[in-house]
Amino acid sequence: MPEEPAFFVHESACVDEGAVIGSGTKIWHFSHVSAAAKIGAHCNIGQNVYVAPHVVVGDYCKIQNNVSLYDGVELADYVFCGPSMVFTNVLRPRCKFPQAGHAFYQKTPVGEGASIGANATVVCGHRVGKNSFIAAGSVVTADVPDHALMVGVPARQKGWVCACGELLTQTLYCPRCGRRYARAAHGLAEETDGRG
């Protein structure tokens, strides 16, 4: 008897030979995962998602409907990509003067726990910090600090958010879960009490 696959692919989805899919991941209707793409464990890939060659998706990511992950995009663990949000991978695209191929594509790393809202756009070549929150419809045109709340077009920082998603107070305290933060090299870092 053939062994059950460790992940689920809907019958309308296409997973090219050579793609790497982690255990427990689900790939839904009309999605396409290209050869040389790597998707981690326990991810949820929604309807009509495209994952290009060389894209790396960490564990426990949630990619909502109508998202295209183009070559150059690298998602760490627990990243949320809202419905119809957009990543670009070429800064100045021209049909007459094509810039096609892995060597031309800009890297866009997205840090662990980041959330990118519905219909937001992330312009390529910028780092999206861990646990940051990009509001729906925003356009990211610069690096995003860890734990930053980014809003608008172009996206501007409007505050700080906790790993749990709650807006932090002015003293960088989370009223929901009690975490405390301090300024760090790439934004904020959680304070520890010395226990580890």
N, C-alpha and C. Protein backbone atom coordinates (compact mmCIF):
# COMPACT_ATOMS: atom_id res chain seq x y z
N MET A 1 0.85 -1.19 0.00
CA MET A 1 0.00 0.00 0.00
C MET A 1 0.90 1.25 0.00
N PRO A 2 0.65 2.24 -0.91
CA PRO A 2 1.51 3.43 -0.96
C PRO A 2 1.35 4.28 0.30
N GLU A 3 2.46 4.89 0.70
CA GLU A 3 2.45 5.71 1.91
C GLU A 3 1.76 7.04 1.62
N GLU A 4 0.97 7.52 2.57
CA GLU A 4 0.29 8.82 2.44
C GLU A 4 1.34 9.94 2.41
N PRO A 5 1.15 10.96 1.56
CA PRO A 5 2.10 12.08 1.57
C PRO A 5 2.02 12.83 2.89
N ALA A 6 3.12 13.44 3.28
CA ALA A 6 3.19 14.15 4.55
C ALA A 6 2.55 15.52 4.48
N PHE A 7 2.11 15.93 3.28
CA PHE A 7 1.47 17.24 3.11
C PHE A 7 0.26 17.05 2.19
N PHE A 8 -0.61 18.07 2.13
CA PHE A 8 -1.83 17.99 1.33
C PHE A 8 -1.74 18.96 0.15
N VAL A 9 -2.09 18.48 -1.04
CA VAL A 9 -2.18 19.32 -2.24
C VAL A 9 -3.55 19.09 -2.86
N HIS A 10 -4.34 20.16 -2.98
CA HIS A 10 -5.65 20.04 -3.61
C HIS A 10 -5.48 19.58 -5.05
N GLU A 11 -6.46 18.84 -5.56
CA GLU A 11 -6.36 18.26 -6.91
C GLU A 11 -6.23 19.31 -8.01
N SER A 12 -6.67 20.54 -7.77
CA SER A 12 -6.56 21.61 -8.78
C SER A 12 -5.23 22.35 -8.70
N ALA A 13 -4.43 22.10 -7.67
CA ALA A 13 -3.15 22.78 -7.50
C ALA A 13 -2.06 22.06 -8.28
N CYS A 14 -0.97 22.77 -8.55
CA CYS A 14 0.15 22.21 -9.29
C CYS A 14 1.42 22.40 -8.47
N VAL A 15 2.09 21.29 -8.16
CA VAL A 15 3.38 21.34 -7.47
C VAL A 15 4.41 20.72 -8.40
N ASP A 16 5.33 21.53 -8.90
CA ASP A 16 6.33 21.05 -9.86
C ASP A 16 7.31 20.10 -9.20
N GLU A 17 7.80 19.16 -9.99
CA GLU A 17 8.84 18.25 -9.51
C GLU A 17 10.06 19.07 -9.11
N GLY A 18 10.62 18.75 -7.96
CA GLY A 18 11.78 19.49 -7.45
C GLY A 18 11.44 20.50 -6.38
N ALA A 19 10.13 20.79 -6.20
CA ALA A 19 9.73 21.65 -5.08
C ALA A 19 9.85 20.85 -3.78
N VAL A 20 10.18 21.54 -2.71
CA VAL A 20 10.31 20.90 -1.40
C VAL A 20 9.17 21.42 -0.52
N ILE A 21 8.35 20.50 -0.02
CA ILE A 21 7.18 20.85 0.80
C ILE A 21 7.30 20.17 2.15
N GLY A 22 7.16 20.94 3.23
CA GLY A 22 7.30 20.40 4.57
C GLY A 22 6.08 19.64 5.05
N SER A 23 6.28 18.85 6.06
CA SER A 23 5.23 18.02 6.65
C SER A 23 4.10 18.88 7.20
N GLY A 24 2.87 18.45 6.96
CA GLY A 24 1.70 19.13 7.51
C GLY A 24 1.25 20.35 6.73
N THR A 25 1.95 20.72 5.67
CA THR A 25 1.58 21.89 4.87
C THR A 25 0.38 21.55 4.00
N LYS A 26 -0.49 22.54 3.77
CA LYS A 26 -1.67 22.39 2.92
C LYS A 26 -1.60 23.42 1.79
N ILE A 27 -1.80 22.93 0.56
CA ILE A 27 -1.77 23.78 -0.63
C ILE A 27 -3.14 23.67 -1.29
N TRP A 28 -3.83 24.82 -1.39
CA TRP A 28 -5.23 24.80 -1.78
C TRP A 28 -5.46 25.10 -3.25
N HIS A 29 -6.72 25.29 -3.63
CA HIS A 29 -7.21 25.36 -5.01
C HIS A 29 -6.39 26.29 -5.91
N PHE A 30 -6.04 25.78 -7.08
CA PHE A 30 -5.47 26.56 -8.19
C PHE A 30 -4.13 27.22 -7.87
N SER A 31 -3.44 26.75 -6.85
CA SER A 31 -2.12 27.30 -6.52
C SER A 31 -1.04 26.57 -7.31
N HIS A 32 0.11 27.24 -7.48
CA HIS A 32 1.22 26.68 -8.25
C HIS A 32 2.51 26.89 -7.46
N VAL A 33 3.17 25.80 -7.12
CA VAL A 33 4.47 25.83 -6.45
C VAL A 33 5.51 25.36 -7.45
N SER A 34 6.47 26.21 -7.76
CA SER A 34 7.46 25.93 -8.80
C SER A 34 8.58 25.05 -8.30
N ALA A 35 9.26 24.41 -9.25
CA ALA A 35 10.47 23.65 -8.94
C ALA A 35 11.48 24.58 -8.27
N ALA A 36 12.25 24.05 -7.34
CA ALA A 36 13.28 24.77 -6.60
C ALA A 36 12.72 25.71 -5.54
N ALA A 37 11.39 25.74 -5.36
CA ALA A 37 10.81 26.48 -4.23
C ALA A 37 10.87 25.59 -3.00
N LYS A 38 11.00 26.23 -1.83
CA LYS A 38 11.05 25.48 -0.57
C LYS A 38 10.01 26.04 0.38
N ILE A 39 9.08 25.19 0.79
CA ILE A 39 8.03 25.58 1.73
C ILE A 39 8.18 24.71 2.97
N GLY A 40 8.17 25.36 4.12
CA GLY A 40 8.39 24.66 5.38
C GLY A 40 7.20 23.85 5.83
N ALA A 41 7.28 23.40 7.08
CA ALA A 41 6.26 22.53 7.67
C ALA A 41 5.08 23.34 8.20
N HIS A 42 3.89 22.73 8.16
CA HIS A 42 2.67 23.26 8.77
C HIS A 42 2.28 24.64 8.23
N CYS A 43 2.54 24.87 6.94
CA CYS A 43 2.11 26.11 6.30
C CYS A 43 0.73 25.92 5.69
N ASN A 44 0.04 27.03 5.47
CA ASN A 44 -1.24 27.02 4.78
C ASN A 44 -1.12 27.93 3.57
N ILE A 45 -1.16 27.34 2.38
CA ILE A 45 -1.02 28.08 1.13
C ILE A 45 -2.42 28.18 0.53
N GLY A 46 -2.99 29.37 0.52
CA GLY A 46 -4.39 29.57 0.13
C GLY A 46 -4.64 29.37 -1.34
N GLN A 47 -5.83 29.76 -1.77
CA GLN A 47 -6.27 29.60 -3.15
C GLN A 47 -5.54 30.58 -4.07
N ASN A 48 -5.16 30.10 -5.28
CA ASN A 48 -4.59 30.95 -6.32
C ASN A 48 -3.30 31.64 -5.87
N VAL A 49 -2.43 30.90 -5.20
CA VAL A 49 -1.12 31.41 -4.76
C VAL A 49 -0.07 30.89 -5.73
N TYR A 50 0.89 31.76 -6.07
CA TYR A 50 2.02 31.35 -6.91
C TYR A 50 3.29 31.46 -6.09
N VAL A 51 4.09 30.38 -6.09
CA VAL A 51 5.38 30.36 -5.40
C VAL A 51 6.44 30.09 -6.47
N ALA A 52 7.28 31.09 -6.72
CA ALA A 52 8.26 31.03 -7.80
C ALA A 52 9.48 30.18 -7.41
N PRO A 53 10.29 29.80 -8.41
CA PRO A 53 11.55 29.12 -8.09
C PRO A 53 12.42 29.96 -7.15
N HIS A 54 13.13 29.28 -6.29
CA HIS A 54 14.10 29.88 -5.35
C HIS A 54 13.46 30.60 -4.18
N VAL A 55 12.14 30.67 -4.11
CA VAL A 55 11.47 31.26 -2.95
C VAL A 55 11.63 30.31 -1.77
N VAL A 56 11.85 30.90 -0.59
CA VAL A 56 11.96 30.11 0.64
C VAL A 56 10.86 30.58 1.59
N VAL A 57 10.06 29.63 2.06
CA VAL A 57 8.99 29.90 3.03
C VAL A 57 9.28 29.08 4.28
N GLY A 58 9.32 29.73 5.43
CA GLY A 58 9.61 29.04 6.69
C GLY A 58 8.44 28.18 7.16
N ASP A 59 8.54 27.71 8.38
CA ASP A 59 7.50 26.88 9.00
C ASP A 59 6.34 27.75 9.51
N TYR A 60 5.14 27.16 9.54
CA TYR A 60 3.94 27.77 10.13
C TYR A 60 3.56 29.10 9.48
N CYS A 61 3.87 29.29 8.20
CA CYS A 61 3.46 30.51 7.51
C CYS A 61 2.04 30.35 6.97
N LYS A 62 1.34 31.47 6.85
CA LYS A 62 0.00 31.48 6.30
C LYS A 62 -0.03 32.45 5.13
N ILE A 63 -0.20 31.91 3.93
CA ILE A 63 -0.25 32.71 2.72
C ILE A 63 -1.70 32.70 2.24
N GLN A 64 -2.36 33.84 2.33
CA GLN A 64 -3.77 33.91 1.99
C GLN A 64 -3.98 33.94 0.47
N ASN A 65 -5.23 33.94 0.04
CA ASN A 65 -5.58 33.85 -1.38
C ASN A 65 -4.95 34.96 -2.21
N ASN A 66 -4.60 34.60 -3.46
CA ASN A 66 -4.16 35.56 -4.49
C ASN A 66 -2.84 36.25 -4.19
N VAL A 67 -1.93 35.56 -3.55
CA VAL A 67 -0.60 36.13 -3.27
C VAL A 67 0.42 35.44 -4.18
N SER A 68 1.33 36.25 -4.76
CA SER A 68 2.43 35.70 -5.55
C SER A 68 3.73 35.95 -4.82
N LEU A 69 4.45 34.87 -4.55
CA LEU A 69 5.76 34.95 -3.92
C LEU A 69 6.79 34.80 -5.03
N TYR A 70 7.40 35.91 -5.45
CA TYR A 70 8.33 35.90 -6.57
C TYR A 70 9.75 35.61 -6.11
N ASP A 71 10.58 35.19 -7.06
CA ASP A 71 11.99 34.91 -6.82
C ASP A 71 12.62 36.10 -6.08
N GLY A 72 13.28 35.82 -4.98
CA GLY A 72 13.88 36.85 -4.13
C GLY A 72 13.19 36.98 -2.79
N VAL A 73 11.96 36.50 -2.69
CA VAL A 73 11.21 36.57 -1.43
C VAL A 73 11.65 35.43 -0.52
N GLU A 74 11.93 35.77 0.74
CA GLU A 74 12.34 34.79 1.75
C GLU A 74 11.54 35.05 3.01
N LEU A 75 10.64 34.15 3.35
CA LEU A 75 9.80 34.30 4.53
C LEU A 75 10.35 33.44 5.66
N ALA A 76 10.56 34.05 6.82
CA ALA A 76 10.95 33.30 8.01
C ALA A 76 9.71 32.58 8.56
N ASP A 77 9.85 31.94 9.70
CA ASP A 77 8.73 31.21 10.31
C ASP A 77 7.62 32.16 10.76
N TYR A 78 6.38 31.64 10.76
CA TYR A 78 5.20 32.33 11.29
C TYR A 78 4.87 33.65 10.59
N VAL A 79 5.19 33.78 9.32
CA VAL A 79 4.84 34.99 8.57
C VAL A 79 3.41 34.86 8.05
N PHE A 80 2.65 35.96 8.14
CA PHE A 80 1.29 36.02 7.62
C PHE A 80 1.27 36.96 6.43
N CYS A 81 0.81 36.48 5.28
CA CYS A 81 0.63 37.30 4.07
C CYS A 81 -0.86 37.38 3.78
N GLY A 82 -1.44 38.56 3.95
CA GLY A 82 -2.88 38.74 3.80
C GLY A 82 -3.34 38.62 2.37
N PRO A 83 -4.66 38.51 2.17
CA PRO A 83 -5.21 38.31 0.83
C PRO A 83 -4.77 39.39 -0.16
N SER A 84 -4.31 38.94 -1.31
CA SER A 84 -3.97 39.82 -2.44
C SER A 84 -2.85 40.81 -2.16
N MET A 85 -2.05 40.56 -1.11
CA MET A 85 -0.89 41.44 -0.93
C MET A 85 0.13 41.13 -2.02
N VAL A 86 1.06 42.07 -2.27
CA VAL A 86 1.95 41.97 -3.42
C VAL A 86 3.41 42.13 -3.00
N PHE A 87 4.26 41.24 -3.51
CA PHE A 87 5.70 41.42 -3.48
C PHE A 87 6.17 41.75 -4.89
N THR A 88 7.08 42.70 -5.05
CA THR A 88 7.73 42.90 -6.34
C THR A 88 9.13 42.29 -6.27
N ASN A 89 9.80 42.15 -7.43
CA ASN A 89 11.17 41.65 -7.37
C ASN A 89 12.12 42.34 -8.34
N VAL A 90 11.62 43.32 -9.11
CA VAL A 90 12.46 44.14 -9.98
C VAL A 90 12.10 45.60 -9.71
N LEU A 91 13.11 46.45 -9.51
CA LEU A 91 12.84 47.85 -9.15
C LEU A 91 12.33 48.68 -10.32
N ARG A 92 12.86 48.47 -11.52
CA ARG A 92 12.46 49.27 -12.68
C ARG A 92 12.13 48.36 -13.85
N PRO A 93 10.99 47.68 -13.80
CA PRO A 93 10.66 46.72 -14.86
C PRO A 93 10.34 47.40 -16.19
N ARG A 94 10.81 46.80 -17.27
CA ARG A 94 10.51 47.25 -18.63
C ARG A 94 10.32 46.02 -19.51
N CYS A 95 9.23 45.97 -20.27
CA CYS A 95 9.03 44.86 -21.20
C CYS A 95 10.05 44.91 -22.33
N LYS A 96 10.38 46.11 -22.82
CA LYS A 96 11.30 46.25 -23.95
C LYS A 96 12.73 45.92 -23.57
N PHE A 97 13.07 46.10 -22.29
CA PHE A 97 14.42 45.82 -21.79
C PHE A 97 14.30 44.87 -20.60
N PRO A 98 14.02 43.59 -20.88
CA PRO A 98 13.71 42.65 -19.79
C PRO A 98 14.88 42.43 -18.84
N GLN A 99 14.52 42.24 -17.59
CA GLN A 99 15.47 41.91 -16.53
C GLN A 99 15.03 40.60 -15.91
N ALA A 100 15.03 39.57 -16.70
CA ALA A 100 14.53 38.28 -16.26
C ALA A 100 15.68 37.38 -15.85
N GLY A 101 15.45 36.63 -14.77
CA GLY A 101 16.44 35.69 -14.29
C GLY A 101 16.84 35.98 -12.86
N HIS A 102 17.21 34.92 -12.18
CA HIS A 102 17.52 34.98 -10.75
C HIS A 102 18.53 36.09 -10.41
N ALA A 103 19.51 36.32 -11.27
CA ALA A 103 20.56 37.32 -11.00
C ALA A 103 20.01 38.75 -10.94
N PHE A 104 18.86 39.00 -11.58
CA PHE A 104 18.30 40.35 -11.62
C PHE A 104 17.37 40.67 -10.45
N TYR A 105 16.92 39.63 -9.74
CA TYR A 105 15.86 39.83 -8.76
C TYR A 105 16.41 40.27 -7.41
N GLN A 106 15.74 41.26 -6.83
CA GLN A 106 16.13 41.81 -5.53
C GLN A 106 15.65 40.89 -4.41
N LYS A 107 16.45 40.78 -3.35
CA LYS A 107 16.05 39.99 -2.17
C LYS A 107 15.07 40.79 -1.32
N THR A 108 14.08 40.10 -0.79
CA THR A 108 13.14 40.70 0.14
C THR A 108 12.95 39.73 1.31
N PRO A 109 13.77 39.87 2.36
CA PRO A 109 13.61 39.00 3.52
C PRO A 109 12.52 39.51 4.46
N VAL A 110 11.67 38.61 4.92
CA VAL A 110 10.59 38.95 5.84
C VAL A 110 10.83 38.19 7.14
N GLY A 111 10.96 38.92 8.24
CA GLY A 111 11.35 38.35 9.53
C GLY A 111 10.27 37.52 10.19
N GLU A 112 10.69 36.69 11.11
CA GLU A 112 9.79 35.80 11.85
C GLU A 112 8.64 36.56 12.48
N GLY A 113 7.44 36.02 12.31
CA GLY A 113 6.25 36.57 12.96
C GLY A 113 5.68 37.83 12.33
N ALA A 114 6.25 38.30 11.21
CA ALA A 114 5.73 39.52 10.58
C ALA A 114 4.35 39.25 9.98
N SER A 115 3.51 40.29 9.96
CA SER A 115 2.20 40.21 9.33
C SER A 115 2.08 41.31 8.29
N ILE A 116 1.65 40.93 7.08
CA ILE A 116 1.47 41.88 5.98
C ILE A 116 0.00 41.83 5.60
N GLY A 117 -0.69 42.96 5.75
CA GLY A 117 -2.13 43.00 5.58
C GLY A 117 -2.61 42.89 4.15
N ALA A 118 -3.90 42.68 3.99
CA ALA A 118 -4.53 42.53 2.69
C ALA A 118 -4.23 43.73 1.79
N ASN A 119 -3.92 43.43 0.52
CA ASN A 119 -3.68 44.44 -0.51
C ASN A 119 -2.49 45.35 -0.24
N ALA A 120 -1.64 45.02 0.72
CA ALA A 120 -0.41 45.78 0.91
C ALA A 120 0.59 45.41 -0.19
N THR A 121 1.55 46.29 -0.44
CA THR A 121 2.60 46.04 -1.42
C THR A 121 3.95 46.22 -0.74
N VAL A 122 4.85 45.26 -0.95
CA VAL A 122 6.22 45.36 -0.45
C VAL A 122 7.14 45.49 -1.65
N VAL A 123 7.73 46.68 -1.83
CA VAL A 123 8.66 46.91 -2.93
C VAL A 123 9.95 46.16 -2.62
N CYS A 124 10.47 45.48 -3.61
CA CYS A 124 11.60 44.57 -3.41
C CYS A 124 12.86 45.27 -2.92
N GLY A 125 13.74 44.47 -2.32
CA GLY A 125 15.02 44.97 -1.84
C GLY A 125 14.98 45.54 -0.45
N HIS A 126 13.86 45.41 0.24
CA HIS A 126 13.72 45.94 1.60
C HIS A 126 13.48 44.82 2.59
N ARG A 127 14.04 44.97 3.77
CA ARG A 127 13.87 44.01 4.86
C ARG A 127 12.60 44.36 5.63
N VAL A 128 11.75 43.36 5.84
CA VAL A 128 10.56 43.51 6.69
C VAL A 128 10.89 42.85 8.02
N GLY A 129 10.97 43.64 9.07
CA GLY A 129 11.46 43.18 10.37
C GLY A 129 10.57 42.16 11.04
N LYS A 130 11.16 41.41 11.95
CA LYS A 130 10.42 40.37 12.67
C LYS A 130 9.34 40.99 13.55
N ASN A 131 8.22 40.32 13.60
CA ASN A 131 7.05 40.73 14.37
C ASN A 131 6.53 42.11 14.00
N SER A 132 6.92 42.62 12.83
CA SER A 132 6.36 43.89 12.36
C SER A 132 4.95 43.66 11.85
N PHE A 133 4.23 44.74 11.66
CA PHE A 133 2.84 44.66 11.21
C PHE A 133 2.64 45.72 10.13
N ILE A 134 2.37 45.26 8.90
CA ILE A 134 2.12 46.15 7.78
C ILE A 134 0.61 46.23 7.59
N ALA A 135 0.04 47.42 7.77
CA ALA A 135 -1.42 47.57 7.70
C ALA A 135 -1.93 47.32 6.29
N ALA A 136 -3.17 46.89 6.19
CA ALA A 136 -3.81 46.62 4.90
C ALA A 136 -3.70 47.84 3.99
N GLY A 137 -3.35 47.59 2.73
CA GLY A 137 -3.28 48.64 1.73
C GLY A 137 -2.03 49.48 1.75
N SER A 138 -1.12 49.24 2.69
CA SER A 138 0.10 50.04 2.79
C SER A 138 1.10 49.65 1.70
N VAL A 139 2.02 50.58 1.40
CA VAL A 139 3.07 50.33 0.40
C VAL A 139 4.42 50.53 1.06
N VAL A 140 5.16 49.43 1.22
CA VAL A 140 6.46 49.47 1.89
C VAL A 140 7.53 49.84 0.87
N THR A 141 8.23 50.96 1.12
CA THR A 141 9.26 51.44 0.20
C THR A 141 10.62 51.60 0.88
N ALA A 142 10.74 51.10 2.11
CA ALA A 142 12.00 51.19 2.87
C ALA A 142 12.03 50.03 3.86
N ASP A 143 13.19 49.79 4.46
CA ASP A 143 13.31 48.74 5.47
C ASP A 143 12.34 49.01 6.62
N VAL A 144 11.80 47.93 7.17
CA VAL A 144 10.84 48.01 8.27
C VAL A 144 11.51 47.47 9.53
N PRO A 145 11.57 48.27 10.62
CA PRO A 145 12.19 47.78 11.86
C PRO A 145 11.40 46.62 12.50
N ASP A 146 12.08 45.83 13.30
CA ASP A 146 11.43 44.78 14.09
C ASP A 146 10.36 45.41 14.98
N HIS A 147 9.17 44.84 14.98
CA HIS A 147 8.03 45.23 15.82
C HIS A 147 7.39 46.56 15.41
N ALA A 148 7.73 47.09 14.24
CA ALA A 148 7.14 48.36 13.80
C ALA A 148 5.74 48.16 13.24
N LEU A 149 4.85 49.11 13.52
CA LEU A 149 3.54 49.19 12.88
C LEU A 149 3.67 50.19 11.74
N MET A 150 3.43 49.72 10.50
CA MET A 150 3.59 50.56 9.31
C MET A 150 2.24 50.76 8.65
N VAL A 151 1.93 52.03 8.30
CA VAL A 151 0.61 52.38 7.78
C VAL A 151 0.76 53.39 6.65
N GLY A 152 0.00 53.22 5.57
CA GLY A 152 -0.13 54.26 4.57
C GLY A 152 0.66 54.04 3.30
N VAL A 153 0.57 55.08 2.42
CA VAL A 153 1.23 55.06 1.12
C VAL A 153 2.00 56.36 0.96
N PRO A 154 3.33 56.35 1.00
CA PRO A 154 4.14 55.18 1.37
C PRO A 154 3.99 54.88 2.86
N ALA A 155 4.31 53.64 3.25
CA ALA A 155 4.14 53.22 4.64
C ALA A 155 5.05 54.01 5.56
N ARG A 156 4.48 54.50 6.65
CA ARG A 156 5.24 55.21 7.68
C ARG A 156 4.96 54.56 9.02
N GLN A 157 5.94 54.63 9.92
CA GLN A 157 5.76 53.99 11.21
C GLN A 157 4.80 54.78 12.08
N LYS A 158 3.82 54.07 12.66
CA LYS A 158 2.81 54.69 13.50
C LYS A 158 2.82 54.15 14.92
N GLY A 159 3.80 53.34 15.26
CA GLY A 159 3.89 52.79 16.60
C GLY A 159 4.67 51.49 16.59
N TRP A 160 4.53 50.75 17.69
CA TRP A 160 5.22 49.47 17.87
C TRP A 160 4.21 48.41 18.24
N VAL A 161 4.46 47.17 17.83
CA VAL A 161 3.56 46.07 18.15
C VAL A 161 4.31 44.94 18.85
N CYS A 162 3.59 44.25 19.70
CA CYS A 162 4.12 43.09 20.43
C CYS A 162 4.17 41.87 19.50
N ALA A 163 4.90 40.87 19.91
CA ALA A 163 4.91 39.60 19.19
C ALA A 163 3.50 39.03 19.08
N CYS A 164 2.64 39.31 20.06
CA CYS A 164 1.26 38.80 20.03
C CYS A 164 0.35 39.63 19.13
N GLY A 165 0.84 40.78 18.62
CA GLY A 165 0.06 41.62 17.72
C GLY A 165 -0.55 42.85 18.34
N GLU A 166 -0.52 42.95 19.67
CA GLU A 166 -1.11 44.10 20.37
C GLU A 166 -0.23 45.33 20.20
N LEU A 167 -0.86 46.51 20.12
CA LEU A 167 -0.14 47.77 20.07
C LEU A 167 0.53 48.02 21.42
N LEU A 168 1.81 48.36 21.41
CA LEU A 168 2.54 48.61 22.66
C LEU A 168 2.24 50.01 23.19
N THR A 169 2.34 50.15 24.50
CA THR A 169 2.19 51.46 25.12
C THR A 169 3.44 52.29 24.85
N GLN A 170 3.43 53.56 25.28
CA GLN A 170 4.59 54.43 25.10
C GLN A 170 5.81 53.92 25.88
N THR A 171 5.58 53.13 26.91
CA THR A 171 6.70 52.55 27.68
C THR A 171 7.13 51.20 27.13
N LEU A 172 6.62 50.86 25.92
CA LEU A 172 6.96 49.61 25.22
C LEU A 172 6.54 48.37 26.02
N TYR A 173 5.36 48.47 26.62
CA TYR A 173 4.76 47.38 27.39
C TYR A 173 3.53 46.89 26.64
N CYS A 174 3.30 45.57 26.64
CA CYS A 174 2.12 45.00 26.01
C CYS A 174 1.01 44.82 27.04
N PRO A 175 -0.11 45.53 26.89
CA PRO A 175 -1.20 45.39 27.86
C PRO A 175 -1.93 44.05 27.76
N ARG A 176 -1.74 43.31 26.67
CA ARG A 176 -2.41 42.02 26.53
C ARG A 176 -1.63 40.89 27.19
N CYS A 177 -0.33 40.78 26.89
CA CYS A 177 0.41 39.60 27.36
C CYS A 177 1.52 39.92 28.36
N GLY A 178 1.78 41.22 28.58
CA GLY A 178 2.75 41.61 29.61
C GLY A 178 4.20 41.65 29.16
N ARG A 179 4.47 41.38 27.89
CA ARG A 179 5.86 41.48 27.44
C ARG A 179 6.32 42.92 27.48
N ARG A 180 7.63 43.08 27.72
CA ARG A 180 8.25 44.41 27.71
C ARG A 180 9.36 44.42 26.67
N TYR A 181 9.58 45.59 26.07
CA TYR A 181 10.56 45.71 24.99
C TYR A 181 11.50 46.87 25.26
N ALA A 182 12.63 46.84 24.57
CA ALA A 182 13.61 47.91 24.63
C ALA A 182 14.14 48.16 23.22
N ARG A 183 14.66 49.35 22.99
CA ARG A 183 15.24 49.68 21.68
C ARG A 183 16.41 48.75 21.40
N ALA A 184 16.55 48.36 20.12
CA ALA A 184 17.62 47.45 19.71
C ALA A 184 18.10 47.87 18.33
N ALA A 185 19.11 47.19 17.83
CA ALA A 185 19.75 47.58 16.58
C ALA A 185 18.77 47.65 15.40
N HIS A 186 17.83 46.71 15.29
CA HIS A 186 16.92 46.68 14.15
C HIS A 186 15.50 47.05 14.52
N GLY A 187 15.29 47.73 15.65
CA GLY A 187 13.95 48.12 16.08
C GLY A 187 13.79 47.92 17.56
N LEU A 188 12.98 46.94 17.94
CA LEU A 188 12.79 46.59 19.34
C LEU A 188 13.21 45.14 19.57
N ALA A 189 13.56 44.83 20.82
CA ALA A 189 13.81 43.45 21.24
C ALA A 189 13.12 43.25 22.58
N GLU A 190 12.61 42.04 22.79
CA GLU A 190 11.93 41.75 24.04
C GLU A 190 12.93 41.72 25.19
N GLU A 191 12.57 42.37 26.30
CA GLU A 191 13.39 42.30 27.50
C GLU A 191 13.19 40.95 28.18
N THR A 192 14.23 40.42 28.76
CA THR A 192 14.11 39.17 29.51
C THR A 192 14.39 39.47 30.97
N ASP A 193 13.91 38.57 31.83
CA ASP A 193 14.10 38.78 33.28
C ASP A 193 15.28 37.97 33.81
N GLY A 194 16.13 37.49 32.89
CA GLY A 194 17.31 36.74 33.31
C GLY A 194 17.09 35.26 33.45
N ARG A 195 15.86 34.79 33.20
CA ARG A 195 15.57 33.36 33.34
C ARG A 195 15.87 32.58 32.07
N GLY A 196 16.24 33.27 31.00
CA GLY A 196 16.65 32.47 29.90
C GLY A 196 16.18 32.68 28.58
